[in-house]
Structures are given as structure tokens and as C-alpha cells.
Amino acid sequence: MCMVSSMARNELRPIIKLRSTAGTGYTYVTRKNRRNNPDRLTLRKYDPVAGRHVDFREER
């Protein structure tokens, strides 16, 4: 029974990679709620390679 609920959870909140738009290749890994954010996610986070905050876009 636990396996069925975890499969449904993974479909609703998939693990996504956020890649830096600064071109450094740095990534964050997070989950997103597909029901609230059906399109690609963009977050402003710190890129330690660039040394500043930049936009991170969801990559598929």
C-alpha cells in the first residue's frame, strides 16, 4: 500500500534540476508541485561559481 502512495506523490511532485542561466553549469536539485506550477520553473538563487544571484531555470 505504501508503494502506491509514493508513486502518486512522485508524479505530483517530481524531482527537477535547476540550471544556472549564467552559463556556469551549476545546478540545484529540488521538487516542484506540478498542480501549482505546470510550466517551467524559474527561481533566483545564488550561483557560487559566478559569485552572485542569478536566475535558475528548470531543465527537463
Protein backbone atom coordinates (compact mmCIF):
# COMPACT_ATOMS: atom_id res chain seq x y z
CA MET A 1 0.00 0.00 0.00
CA CYS A 2 2.88 2.41 0.69
CA MET A 3 4.27 1.85 -2.79
CA VAL A 4 1.08 3.12 -4.44
CA SER A 5 1.03 6.38 -2.43
CA SER A 6 4.73 7.06 -3.11
CA MET A 7 4.21 6.55 -6.84
CA ALA A 8 1.34 9.07 -6.82
CA ARG A 9 3.46 11.50 -4.80
CA ASN A 10 6.33 11.28 -7.29
CA GLU A 11 4.00 12.05 -10.19
CA LEU A 12 2.58 15.13 -8.46
CA ARG A 13 5.91 16.45 -7.06
CA PRO A 14 8.66 15.37 -9.47
CA ILE A 15 12.35 15.99 -8.81
CA ILE A 16 13.64 18.72 -11.15
CA LYS A 17 17.03 20.22 -11.94
CA LEU A 18 17.51 23.99 -11.88
CA ARG A 19 20.39 25.10 -14.13
CA SER A 20 22.08 28.49 -13.86
CA THR A 21 21.41 30.97 -16.67
CA ALA A 22 24.89 32.49 -16.10
CA GLY A 23 26.38 29.63 -18.13
CA THR A 24 28.49 28.25 -15.27
CA GLY A 25 26.83 24.82 -15.37
CA TYR A 26 25.91 24.96 -11.67
CA THR A 27 22.65 23.19 -10.76
CA TYR A 28 20.27 22.86 -7.83
CA VAL A 29 18.01 19.84 -7.36
CA THR A 30 14.53 20.36 -5.89
CA ARG A 31 10.92 19.22 -6.12
CA LYS A 32 8.01 21.15 -7.56
CA ASN A 33 4.27 20.84 -7.32
CA ARG A 34 3.04 20.14 -10.85
CA ARG A 35 -0.51 21.19 -9.99
CA ASN A 36 0.55 24.71 -8.88
CA ASN A 37 3.39 25.19 -11.44
CA PRO A 38 2.61 23.30 -14.65
CA ASP A 39 5.08 25.31 -16.77
CA ARG A 40 8.84 25.61 -16.33
CA LEU A 41 10.01 26.99 -13.02
CA THR A 42 12.42 29.95 -12.71
CA LEU A 43 13.96 30.85 -9.35
CA ARG A 44 16.55 33.47 -8.42
CA LYS A 45 19.25 31.71 -6.39
CA TYR A 46 22.93 32.08 -5.53
CA ASP A 47 25.47 30.73 -8.02
CA PRO A 48 28.77 30.15 -6.14
CA VAL A 49 30.74 29.83 -9.40
CA ALA A 50 29.54 33.24 -10.65
CA GLY A 51 29.61 34.66 -7.12
CA ARG A 52 26.21 36.34 -7.37
CA HIS A 53 22.48 35.69 -7.54
CA VAL A 54 21.21 34.67 -10.99
CA ASP A 55 18.08 33.11 -12.45
CA PHE A 56 17.93 29.32 -12.39
CA ARG A 57 15.59 27.70 -14.94
CA GLU A 58 14.05 24.26 -14.82
CA GLU A 59 15.59 21.82 -17.25
CA ARG A 60 13.91 18.63 -18.45
